[in-house]
Amino acid sequence: MEPQRLRDLYDRQLRREARPEGPGCRVERVGPVVRQTGPAHAWNGILWSGLDTPGVDGGLDTPGDGASGVDAVIAEQIAHYRTAGLTFEWKLYGHDGPADLADRLLAAGFIADDRETLMATEAAALPQDVPLPEGVELRAVTDEAGVRQVVEVHERAFGTDSSHIGRQLLDRLAADPDTVTAVVALAAGEPVSAARLDLCPGTDFAGLWGGGTVEGWRGRGLYRALVSHRARIAAARGHRYVQVDAADTSRPILQRLGFLTLSTTTPYTYTVRAEDAAQS
């Protein structure tokens, strides 16, 4: 499939028609936005916005359209999450409009994180048997001990507090295990790499998330092996495509594997403080 058509399919299935990502989460379509709201440790934010398509997909088509209309929609989302007491993310894609939406988010108090590249390919087209380094084995994550190993890898690989990832994964494994699977790579019993696969029932896509390898084990093929492992699972579960928000470090590897570039994606985060929520 051509990148444009694949991107359109992605937008429709995973953004405009998004489903809740975990227990306690709900997806709402409010005017020209699709958003998810859930527990504080879940992902909260804007999945889709149709701010530059009047009369189409919920785009602005009222007398307040234009710049003032866009700013009003942004303010409405801030008010919603502030009332809920939740910090949230506006997930902005490179092909979203209007062209100055990023500037308007910054002006409203959002903070931009690193831009990543949205990539996808057919799951069955990826290499099926990528060899692991000698002495390394892959183990499915099915319990709390395995989740702790995933969190350990993520914190060592990225240097960030990843406890929320562990809570999200535990919740989903307990409440809806058919929508997520995770794997950890062990070297002499030590977790050295880990990754997650989000399965989206009723769609053509499965998402590759959280892939990380601790320093000292990078450059040995573990990332490629975990991509291949998860792609096999995705294909076996009936998902034609796998997609990933690729960091600059992983994008060249994915390109060599045959992934297509569909767009870019940048998280814009709005932090809701306790005193802000109390005043709402």
C-alpha atoms as a PDB file:
ATOM      1  CA  MET A   1       0.000   0.000   0.000  1.00  0.00           C
ATOM      2  CA  GLU A   2       1.215   3.506  -0.815  1.00  0.00           C
ATOM      3  CA  PRO A   3       2.271   5.614   2.191  1.00  0.00           C
ATOM      4  CA  GLN A   4      -0.555   8.118   1.686  1.00  0.00           C
ATOM      5  CA  ARG A   5      -3.254   5.435   1.630  1.00  0.00           C
ATOM      6  CA  LEU A   6      -1.675   3.648   4.582  1.00  0.00           C
ATOM      7  CA  ARG A   7      -1.580   6.902   6.530  1.00  0.00           C
ATOM      8  CA  ASP A   8      -5.235   7.565   5.745  1.00  0.00           C
ATOM      9  CA  LEU A   9      -6.121   4.072   6.993  1.00  0.00           C
ATOM     10  CA  TYR A  10      -4.099   4.666  10.162  1.00  0.00           C
ATOM     11  CA  ASP A  11      -5.830   7.994  10.779  1.00  0.00           C
ATOM     12  CA  ARG A  12      -9.264   6.466  10.379  1.00  0.00           C
ATOM     13  CA  GLN A  13      -8.791   3.276  12.373  1.00  0.00           C
ATOM     14  CA  LEU A  14      -6.477   4.362  15.189  1.00  0.00           C
ATOM     15  CA  ARG A  15      -7.276   8.041  15.573  1.00  0.00           C
ATOM     16  CA  ARG A  16     -10.786   8.994  14.418  1.00  0.00           C
ATOM     17  CA  GLU A  17     -12.240   5.607  15.408  1.00  0.00           C
ATOM     18  CA  ALA A  18      -9.957   5.025  18.386  1.00  0.00           C
ATOM     19  CA  ARG A  19     -10.984   2.665  21.163  1.00  0.00           C
ATOM     20  CA  PRO A  20     -10.144   2.954  24.870  1.00  0.00           C
ATOM     21  CA  GLU A  21      -6.566   1.892  25.583  1.00  0.00           C
ATOM     22  CA  GLY A  22      -7.079   0.299  28.978  1.00  0.00           C
ATOM     23  CA  PRO A  23      -9.394  -0.239  31.948  1.00  0.00           C
ATOM     24  CA  GLY A  24     -11.020   2.912  33.225  1.00  0.00           C
ATOM     25  CA  CYS A  25     -10.363   4.772  29.979  1.00  0.00           C
ATOM     26  CA  ARG A  26     -12.991   6.267  27.696  1.00  0.00           C
ATOM     27  CA  VAL A  27     -12.693   7.755  24.220  1.00  0.00           C
ATOM     28  CA  GLU A  28     -14.909  10.729  23.439  1.00  0.00           C
ATOM     29  CA  ARG A  29     -15.592  12.613  20.257  1.00  0.00           C
ATOM     30  CA  VAL A  30     -16.294  16.246  21.143  1.00  0.00           C
ATOM     31  CA  GLY A  31     -16.741  18.510  18.126  1.00  0.00           C
ATOM     32  CA  PRO A  32     -13.549  18.393  16.060  1.00  0.00           C
ATOM     33  CA  VAL A  33     -11.445  16.337  18.491  1.00  0.00           C
ATOM     34  CA  VAL A  34     -11.179  12.728  19.623  1.00  0.00           C
ATOM     35  CA  ARG A  35      -9.706  12.377  23.099  1.00  0.00           C
ATOM     36  CA  GLN A  36      -9.013   9.732  25.717  1.00  0.00           C
ATOM     37  CA  THR A  37      -9.584  10.261  29.427  1.00  0.00           C
ATOM     38  CA  GLY A  38      -8.672   7.717  32.078  1.00  0.00           C
ATOM     39  CA  PRO A  39      -6.792   7.162  35.344  1.00  0.00           C
ATOM     40  CA  ALA A  40      -3.813   9.394  36.120  1.00  0.00           C
ATOM     41  CA  HIS A  41      -1.309   6.653  35.203  1.00  0.00           C
ATOM     42  CA  ALA A  42      -2.987   6.001  31.831  1.00  0.00           C
ATOM     43  CA  TRP A  43      -2.316   7.921  28.632  1.00  0.00           C
ATOM     44  CA  ASN A  44      -4.599  10.953  28.573  1.00  0.00           C
ATOM     45  CA  GLY A  45      -4.826  13.204  25.583  1.00  0.00           C
ATOM     46  CA  ILE A  46      -5.944  14.238  22.116  1.00  0.00           C
ATOM     47  CA  LEU A  47      -5.816  11.472  19.532  1.00  0.00           C
ATOM     48  CA  TRP A  48      -7.275  13.338  16.573  1.00  0.00           C
ATOM     49  CA  SER A  49      -8.212  16.883  15.652  1.00  0.00           C
ATOM     50  CA  GLY A  50     -10.033  18.010  12.517  1.00  0.00           C
ATOM     51  CA  LEU A  51      -9.398  21.699  12.906  1.00  0.00           C
ATOM     52  CA  ASP A  52      -8.652  22.505   9.267  1.00  0.00           C
ATOM     53  CA  THR A  53     -11.423  20.549   7.532  1.00  0.00           C
ATOM     54  CA  PRO A  54     -14.692  22.536   7.819  1.00  0.00           C
ATOM     55  CA  GLY A  55     -17.725  20.284   7.762  1.00  0.00           C
ATOM     56  CA  VAL A  56     -15.592  17.148   7.417  1.00  0.00           C
ATOM     57  CA  ASP A  57     -14.737  14.678  10.213  1.00  0.00           C
ATOM     58  CA  GLY A  58     -16.076  17.082  12.805  1.00  0.00           C
ATOM     59  CA  GLY A  59     -13.990  20.002  11.554  1.00  0.00           C
ATOM     60  CA  LEU A  60     -14.819  23.556  12.547  1.00  0.00           C
ATOM     61  CA  ASP A  61     -17.888  24.789  10.718  1.00  0.00           C
ATOM     62  CA  THR A  62     -19.447  27.303  13.105  1.00  0.00           C
ATOM     63  CA  PRO A  63     -19.365  31.133  13.152  1.00  0.00           C
ATOM     64  CA  GLY A  64     -16.348  30.931  15.470  1.00  0.00           C
ATOM     65  CA  ASP A  65     -14.238  29.136  12.884  1.00  0.00           C
ATOM     66  CA  GLY A  66     -10.757  30.311  12.012  1.00  0.00           C
ATOM     67  CA  ALA A  67      -8.004  31.268  14.429  1.00  0.00           C
ATOM     68  CA  SER A  68     -10.383  32.117  17.260  1.00  0.00           C
ATOM     69  CA  GLY A  69     -12.206  28.822  16.747  1.00  0.00           C
ATOM     70  CA  VAL A  70      -8.970  26.812  16.971  1.00  0.00           C
ATOM     71  CA  ASP A  71      -7.940  28.604  20.152  1.00  0.00           C
ATOM     72  CA  ALA A  72     -11.390  27.982  21.622  1.00  0.00           C
ATOM     73  CA  VAL A  73     -11.106  24.238  20.952  1.00  0.00           C
ATOM     74  CA  ILE A  74      -7.671  24.167  22.592  1.00  0.00           C
ATOM     75  CA  ALA A  75      -9.059  26.004  25.617  1.00  0.00           C
ATOM     76  CA  GLU A  76     -11.957  23.542  25.855  1.00  0.00           C
ATOM     77  CA  GLN A  77      -9.539  20.601  26.058  1.00  0.00           C
ATOM     78  CA  ILE A  78      -7.466  22.305  28.749  1.00  0.00           C
ATOM     79  CA  ALA A  79     -10.638  22.958  30.753  1.00  0.00           C
ATOM     80  CA  HIS A  80     -11.749  19.331  30.395  1.00  0.00           C
ATOM     81  CA  TYR A  81      -8.511  17.834  31.696  1.00  0.00           C
ATOM     82  CA  ARG A  82      -8.033  20.535  34.303  1.00  0.00           C
ATOM     83  CA  THR A  83     -11.442  19.688  35.736  1.00  0.00           C
ATOM     84  CA  ALA A  84     -10.417  16.013  35.793  1.00  0.00           C
ATOM     85  CA  GLY A  85      -7.104  16.945  37.443  1.00  0.00           C
ATOM     86  CA  LEU A  86      -5.131  15.228  34.677  1.00  0.00           C
ATOM     87  CA  THR A  87      -1.986  16.248  32.858  1.00  0.00           C
ATOM     88  CA  PHE A  88      -2.518  15.406  29.179  1.00  0.00           C
ATOM     89  CA  GLU A  89      -0.869  15.218  25.791  1.00  0.00           C
ATOM     90  CA  TRP A  90      -1.920  16.627  22.432  1.00  0.00           C
ATOM     91  CA  LYS A  91      -0.463  14.121  19.993  1.00  0.00           C
ATOM     92  CA  LEU A  92       0.271  16.308  16.973  1.00  0.00           C
ATOM     93  CA  TYR A  93       1.072  14.710  13.624  1.00  0.00           C
ATOM     94  CA  GLY A  94       3.029  16.408  10.876  1.00  0.00           C
ATOM     95  CA  HIS A  95       0.052  16.300   8.494  1.00  0.00           C
ATOM     96  CA  ASP A  96      -2.421  17.772  11.004  1.00  0.00           C
ATOM     97  CA  GLY A  97      -3.692  21.280  10.496  1.00  0.00           C
ATOM     98  CA  PRO A  98      -3.922  24.147  10.649  1.00  0.00           C
ATOM     99  CA  ALA A  99      -0.294  24.868   9.823  1.00  0.00           C
ATOM    100  CA  ASP A 100       0.184  26.981  12.950  1.00  0.00           C
ATOM    101  CA  LEU A 101      -1.391  24.506  15.380  1.00  0.00           C
ATOM    102  CA  ALA A 102       1.960  23.766  17.038  1.00  0.00           C
ATOM    103  CA  ASP A 103       2.509  27.474  17.682  1.00  0.00           C
ATOM    104  CA  ARG A 104      -0.991  27.806  19.126  1.00  0.00           C
ATOM    105  CA  LEU A 105      -0.419  24.869  21.470  1.00  0.00           C
ATOM    106  CA  LEU A 106       2.814  26.422  22.706  1.00  0.00           C
ATOM    107  CA  ALA A 107       1.072  29.755  23.230  1.00  0.00           C
ATOM    108  CA  ALA A 108      -1.600  27.976  25.293  1.00  0.00           C
ATOM    109  CA  GLY A 109       0.988  26.554  27.684  1.00  0.00           C
ATOM    110  CA  PHE A 110       1.875  23.178  26.155  1.00  0.00           C
ATOM    111  CA  ILE A 111       5.477  21.931  26.146  1.00  0.00           C
ATOM    112  CA  ALA A 112       6.792  20.067  23.096  1.00  0.00           C
ATOM    113  CA  ASP A 113       8.771  16.848  23.475  1.00  0.00           C
ATOM    114  CA  ASP A 114      11.029  15.223  20.877  1.00  0.00           C
ATOM    115  CA  ARG A 115       9.556  14.648  17.435  1.00  0.00           C
ATOM    116  CA  GLU A 116       9.363  11.044  16.235  1.00  0.00           C
ATOM    117  CA  THR A 117       8.622   9.441  12.878  1.00  0.00           C
ATOM    118  CA  LEU A 118       5.406   7.508  12.272  1.00  0.00           C
ATOM    119  CA  MET A 119       6.352   4.352  10.354  1.00  0.00           C
ATOM    120  CA  ALA A 120       4.502   1.199   9.311  1.00  0.00           C
ATOM    121  CA  THR A 121       4.898  -1.945   7.238  1.00  0.00           C
ATOM    122  CA  GLU A 122       3.213  -5.272   6.598  1.00  0.00           C
ATOM    123  CA  ALA A 123       3.829  -7.582   9.536  1.00  0.00           C
ATOM    124  CA  ALA A 124       4.253 -10.665   7.372  1.00  0.00           C
ATOM    125  CA  ALA A 125       6.901  -8.940   5.234  1.00  0.00           C
ATOM    126  CA  LEU A 126       9.375  -8.543   8.102  1.00  0.00           C
ATOM    127  CA  PRO A 127      12.197 -11.040   8.694  1.00  0.00           C
ATOM    128  CA  GLN A 128      10.848 -14.020  10.561  1.00  0.00           C
ATOM    129  CA  ASP A 129      13.952 -15.380  12.279  1.00  0.00           C
ATOM    130  CA  VAL A 130      16.364 -12.728  13.503  1.00  0.00           C
ATOM    131  CA  PRO A 131      19.062 -14.491  15.549  1.00  0.00           C
ATOM    132  CA  LEU A 132      19.546 -13.504  19.163  1.00  0.00           C
ATOM    133  CA  PRO A 133      22.992 -12.867  20.672  1.00  0.00           C
ATOM    134  CA  GLU A 134      24.515 -15.968  22.219  1.00  0.00           C
ATOM    135  CA  GLY A 135      23.162 -16.644  25.690  1.00  0.00           C
ATOM    136  CA  VAL A 136      20.072 -14.439  25.302  1.00  0.00           C
ATOM    137  CA  GLU A 137      16.529 -15.776  25.503  1.00  0.00           C
ATOM    138  CA  LEU A 138      13.144 -14.125  25.030  1.00  0.00           C
ATOM    139  CA  ARG A 139      10.473 -14.551  27.669  1.00  0.00           C
ATOM    140  CA  ALA A 140       6.822 -13.535  27.466  1.00  0.00           C
ATOM    141  CA  VAL A 141       5.693 -11.127  30.184  1.00  0.00           C
ATOM    142  CA  THR A 142       2.645 -12.554  31.953  1.00  0.00           C
ATOM    143  CA  ASP A 143       2.913 -11.554  35.607  1.00  0.00           C
ATOM    144  CA  GLU A 144       4.048  -8.858  38.007  1.00  0.00           C
ATOM    145  CA  ALA A 145       7.617 -10.140  38.090  1.00  0.00           C
ATOM    146  CA  GLY A 146       7.871  -9.858  34.322  1.00  0.00           C
ATOM    147  CA  VAL A 147       6.396  -6.365  34.378  1.00  0.00           C
ATOM    148  CA  ARG A 148       9.031  -5.323  36.919  1.00  0.00           C
ATOM    149  CA  GLN A 149      11.707  -6.508  34.505  1.00  0.00           C
ATOM    150  CA  VAL A 150      10.174  -4.446  31.693  1.00  0.00           C
ATOM    151  CA  VAL A 151      10.184  -1.358  33.914  1.00  0.00           C
ATOM    152  CA  GLU A 152      13.792  -2.041  34.966  1.00  0.00           C
ATOM    153  CA  VAL A 153      14.927  -2.229  31.336  1.00  0.00           C
ATOM    154  CA  HIS A 154      13.050   0.935  30.409  1.00  0.00           C
ATOM    155  CA  GLU A 155      14.519   2.914  33.314  1.00  0.00           C
ATOM    156  CA  ARG A 156      18.053   1.710  32.618  1.00  0.00           C
ATOM    157  CA  ALA A 157      17.752   2.292  28.874  1.00  0.00           C
ATOM    158  CA  PHE A 158      16.127   5.741  28.975  1.00  0.00           C
ATOM    159  CA  GLY A 159      17.014   7.069  32.413  1.00  0.00           C
ATOM    160  CA  THR A 160      13.431   7.978  33.305  1.00  0.00           C
ATOM    161  CA  ASP A 161      10.931   6.967  35.959  1.00  0.00           C
ATOM    162  CA  SER A 162       8.865   4.304  34.201  1.00  0.00           C
ATOM    163  CA  SER A 163       6.635   3.159  37.043  1.00  0.00           C
ATOM    164  CA  HIS A 164       3.537   4.378  35.172  1.00  0.00           C
ATOM    165  CA  ILE A 165       4.384   2.032  32.304  1.00  0.00           C
ATOM    166  CA  GLY A 166       4.378  -0.862  34.737  1.00  0.00           C
ATOM    167  CA  ARG A 167       0.974   0.126  36.148  1.00  0.00           C
ATOM    168  CA  GLN A 168      -0.514   0.471  32.660  1.00  0.00           C
ATOM    169  CA  LEU A 169       0.842  -2.896  31.575  1.00  0.00           C
ATOM    170  CA  LEU A 170      -0.348  -4.679  34.729  1.00  0.00           C
ATOM    171  CA  ASP A 171      -3.837  -3.191  34.348  1.00  0.00           C
ATOM    172  CA  ARG A 172      -4.132  -4.288  30.741  1.00  0.00           C
ATOM    173  CA  LEU A 173      -2.728  -7.778  31.313  1.00  0.00           C
ATOM    174  CA  ALA A 174      -5.282  -8.272  34.074  1.00  0.00           C
ATOM    175  CA  ALA A 175      -8.328  -6.691  32.429  1.00  0.00           C
ATOM    176  CA  ASP A 176      -7.850  -7.277  28.692  1.00  0.00           C
ATOM    177  CA  PRO A 177      -4.844  -9.507  27.921  1.00  0.00           C
ATOM    178  CA  ASP A 178      -5.894  -9.955  24.293  1.00  0.00           C
ATOM    179  CA  THR A 179      -4.995  -6.322  23.568  1.00  0.00           C
ATOM    180  CA  VAL A 180      -1.380  -6.304  24.752  1.00  0.00           C
ATOM    181  CA  THR A 181       1.652  -8.539  24.906  1.00  0.00           C
ATOM    182  CA  ALA A 182       5.150  -7.826  26.149  1.00  0.00           C
ATOM    183  CA  VAL A 183       8.490  -9.570  25.933  1.00  0.00           C
ATOM    184  CA  VAL A 184      11.770  -9.299  27.827  1.00  0.00           C
ATOM    185  CA  ALA A 185      15.203 -10.443  26.671  1.00  0.00           C
ATOM    186  CA  LEU A 186      17.272 -12.108  29.396  1.00  0.00           C
ATOM    187  CA  ALA A 187      21.037 -12.630  29.447  1.00  0.00           C
ATOM    188  CA  ALA A 188      22.025 -15.043  32.218  1.00  0.00           C
ATOM    189  CA  GLY A 189      18.760 -14.139  33.922  1.00  0.00           C
ATOM    190  CA  GLU A 190      19.373 -10.373  33.694  1.00  0.00           C
ATOM    191  CA  PRO A 191      16.816  -8.306  31.737  1.00  0.00           C
ATOM    192  CA  VAL A 192      18.694  -6.446  28.987  1.00  0.00           C
ATOM    193  CA  SER A 193      15.963  -5.530  26.500  1.00  0.00           C
ATOM    194  CA  ALA A 194      12.172  -5.338  26.465  1.00  0.00           C
ATOM    195  CA  ALA A 195       9.274  -4.235  24.303  1.00  0.00           C
ATOM    196  CA  ARG A 196       5.469  -4.160  24.090  1.00  0.00           C
ATOM    197  CA  LEU A 197       2.953  -4.903  21.345  1.00  0.00           C
ATOM    198  CA  ASP A 198      -0.444  -3.195  21.411  1.00  0.00           C
ATOM    199  CA  LEU A 199      -3.087  -5.198  19.564  1.00  0.00           C
ATOM    200  CA  CYS A 200      -6.028  -3.154  18.306  1.00  0.00           C
ATOM    201  CA  PRO A 201      -9.001  -5.511  17.796  1.00  0.00           C
ATOM    202  CA  GLY A 202     -11.066  -4.792  14.700  1.00  0.00           C
ATOM    203  CA  THR A 203      -8.270  -2.862  12.990  1.00  0.00           C
ATOM    204  CA  ASP A 204      -5.488  -3.713  10.562  1.00  0.00           C
ATOM    205  CA  PHE A 205      -2.828  -2.385  12.938  1.00  0.00           C
ATOM    206  CA  ALA A 206      -0.750  -3.473  15.883  1.00  0.00           C
ATOM    207  CA  GLY A 207       1.602  -1.015  17.566  1.00  0.00           C
ATOM    208  CA  LEU A 208       5.238  -1.526  18.519  1.00  0.00           C
ATOM    209  CA  TRP A 209       5.957   0.348  21.750  1.00  0.00           C
ATOM    210  CA  GLY A 210       8.505   0.681  24.515  1.00  0.00           C
ATOM    211  CA  GLY A 211      11.405  -1.007  22.753  1.00  0.00           C
ATOM    212  CA  GLY A 212      14.555  -0.405  24.747  1.00  0.00           C
ATOM    213  CA  THR A 213      17.945  -2.035  25.282  1.00  0.00           C
ATOM    214  CA  VAL A 214      20.323  -1.311  28.156  1.00  0.00           C
ATOM    215  CA  GLU A 215      23.715   0.177  27.403  1.00  0.00           C
ATOM    216  CA  GLY A 216      26.278  -2.508  26.783  1.00  0.00           C
ATOM    217  CA  TRP A 217      23.836  -4.663  24.820  1.00  0.00           C
ATOM    218  CA  ARG A 218      23.081  -2.196  22.058  1.00  0.00           C
ATOM    219  CA  GLY A 219      24.242  -2.857  18.519  1.00  0.00           C
ATOM    220  CA  ARG A 220      23.900  -6.641  18.852  1.00  0.00           C
ATOM    221  CA  GLY A 221      20.604  -7.082  17.025  1.00  0.00           C
ATOM    222  CA  LEU A 222      18.242  -7.189  19.984  1.00  0.00           C
ATOM    223  CA  TYR A 223      16.054  -4.360  18.681  1.00  0.00           C
ATOM    224  CA  ARG A 224      15.642  -6.119  15.314  1.00  0.00           C
ATOM    225  CA  ALA A 225      14.903  -9.407  17.051  1.00  0.00           C
ATOM    226  CA  LEU A 226      12.176  -7.866  19.207  1.00  0.00           C
ATOM    227  CA  VAL A 227      10.600  -6.170  16.171  1.00  0.00           C
ATOM    228  CA  SER A 228      10.534  -9.513  14.342  1.00  0.00           C
ATOM    229  CA  HIS A 229       9.162 -11.352  17.379  1.00  0.00           C
ATOM    230  CA  ARG A 230       6.290  -8.910  17.844  1.00  0.00           C
ATOM    231  CA  ALA A 231       5.503  -8.765  14.131  1.00  0.00           C
ATOM    232  CA  ARG A 232       5.007 -12.545  14.090  1.00  0.00           C
ATOM    233  CA  ILE A 233       2.547 -12.233  16.964  1.00  0.00           C
ATOM    234  CA  ALA A 234       0.705  -9.389  15.220  1.00  0.00           C
ATOM    235  CA  ALA A 235       0.353 -11.371  12.002  1.00  0.00           C
ATOM    236  CA  ALA A 236      -0.819 -14.466  13.884  1.00  0.00           C
ATOM    237  CA  ARG A 237      -3.491 -12.347  15.609  1.00  0.00           C
ATOM    238  CA  GLY A 238      -4.806 -11.116  12.255  1.00  0.00           C
ATOM    239  CA  HIS A 239      -3.211  -7.665  12.048  1.00  0.00           C
ATOM    240  CA  ARG A 240      -1.849  -6.847   8.612  1.00  0.00           C
ATOM    241  CA  TYR A 241       0.354  -3.910   9.612  1.00  0.00           C
ATOM    242  CA  VAL A 242       2.664  -2.964  12.453  1.00  0.00           C
ATOM    243  CA  GLN A 243       3.314   0.710  13.200  1.00  0.00           C
ATOM    244  CA  VAL A 244       5.770   2.538  15.394  1.00  0.00           C
ATOM    245  CA  ASP A 245       6.591   6.056  16.558  1.00  0.00           C
ATOM    246  CA  ALA A 246      10.290   5.820  15.805  1.00  0.00           C
ATOM    247  CA  ALA A 247      13.007   7.787  17.565  1.00  0.00           C
ATOM    248  CA  ASP A 248      15.935   8.999  15.466  1.00  0.00           C
ATOM    249  CA  THR A 249      18.060   6.132  16.786  1.00  0.00           C
ATOM    250  CA  SER A 250      15.664   3.426  15.603  1.00  0.00           C
ATOM    251  CA  ARG A 251      14.402   4.984  12.360  1.00  0.00           C
ATOM    252  CA  PRO A 252      17.388   3.815  10.217  1.00  0.00           C
ATOM    253  CA  ILE A 253      17.006   0.247  11.498  1.00  0.00           C
ATOM    254  CA  LEU A 254      13.298   0.238  10.673  1.00  0.00           C
ATOM    255  CA  GLN A 255      13.925   1.689   7.219  1.00  0.00           C
ATOM    256  CA  ARG A 256      16.329  -1.140   6.468  1.00  0.00           C
ATOM    257  CA  LEU A 257      13.646  -3.598   7.567  1.00  0.00           C
ATOM    258  CA  GLY A 258      11.206  -2.096   5.060  1.00  0.00           C
ATOM    259  CA  PHE A 259       9.131   0.290   7.174  1.00  0.00           C
ATOM    260  CA  LEU A 260       7.553   3.219   5.319  1.00  0.00           C
ATOM    261  CA  THR A 261       7.535   6.768   6.646  1.00  0.00           C
ATOM    262  CA  LEU A 262       3.943   8.013   6.977  1.00  0.00           C
ATOM    263  CA  SER A 263       4.326  11.252   8.958  1.00  0.00           C
ATOM    264  CA  THR A 264       5.918  12.701  12.073  1.00  0.00           C
ATOM    265  CA  THR A 265       4.432  12.869  15.548  1.00  0.00           C
ATOM    266  CA  THR A 266       5.249  15.242  18.379  1.00  0.00           C
ATOM    267  CA  PRO A 267       3.797  15.097  21.898  1.00  0.00           C
ATOM    268  CA  TYR A 268       2.707  18.446  23.314  1.00  0.00           C
ATOM    269  CA  THR A 269       2.137  18.108  27.055  1.00  0.00           C
ATOM    270  CA  TYR A 270      -0.031  20.336  29.239  1.00  0.00           C
ATOM    271  CA  THR A 271       0.734  19.939  32.934  1.00  0.00           C
ATOM    272  CA  VAL A 272      -2.222  20.293  35.270  1.00  0.00           C
ATOM    273  CA  ARG A 273      -1.124  21.191  38.783  1.00  0.00           C
ATOM    274  CA  ALA A 274      -3.126  20.242  41.853  1.00  0.00           C
ATOM    275  CA  GLU A 275      -3.983  23.880  42.572  1.00  0.00           C
ATOM    276  CA  ASP A 276      -5.211  24.354  38.983  1.00  0.00           C
ATOM    277  CA  ALA A 277      -7.556  21.363  39.290  1.00  0.00           C
ATOM    278  CA  ALA A 278      -8.886  22.610  42.628  1.00  0.00           C
ATOM    279  CA  GLN A 279      -9.869  25.917  41.052  1.00  0.00           C
ATOM    280  CA  SER A 280     -11.745  24.349  38.128  1.00  0.00           C
END
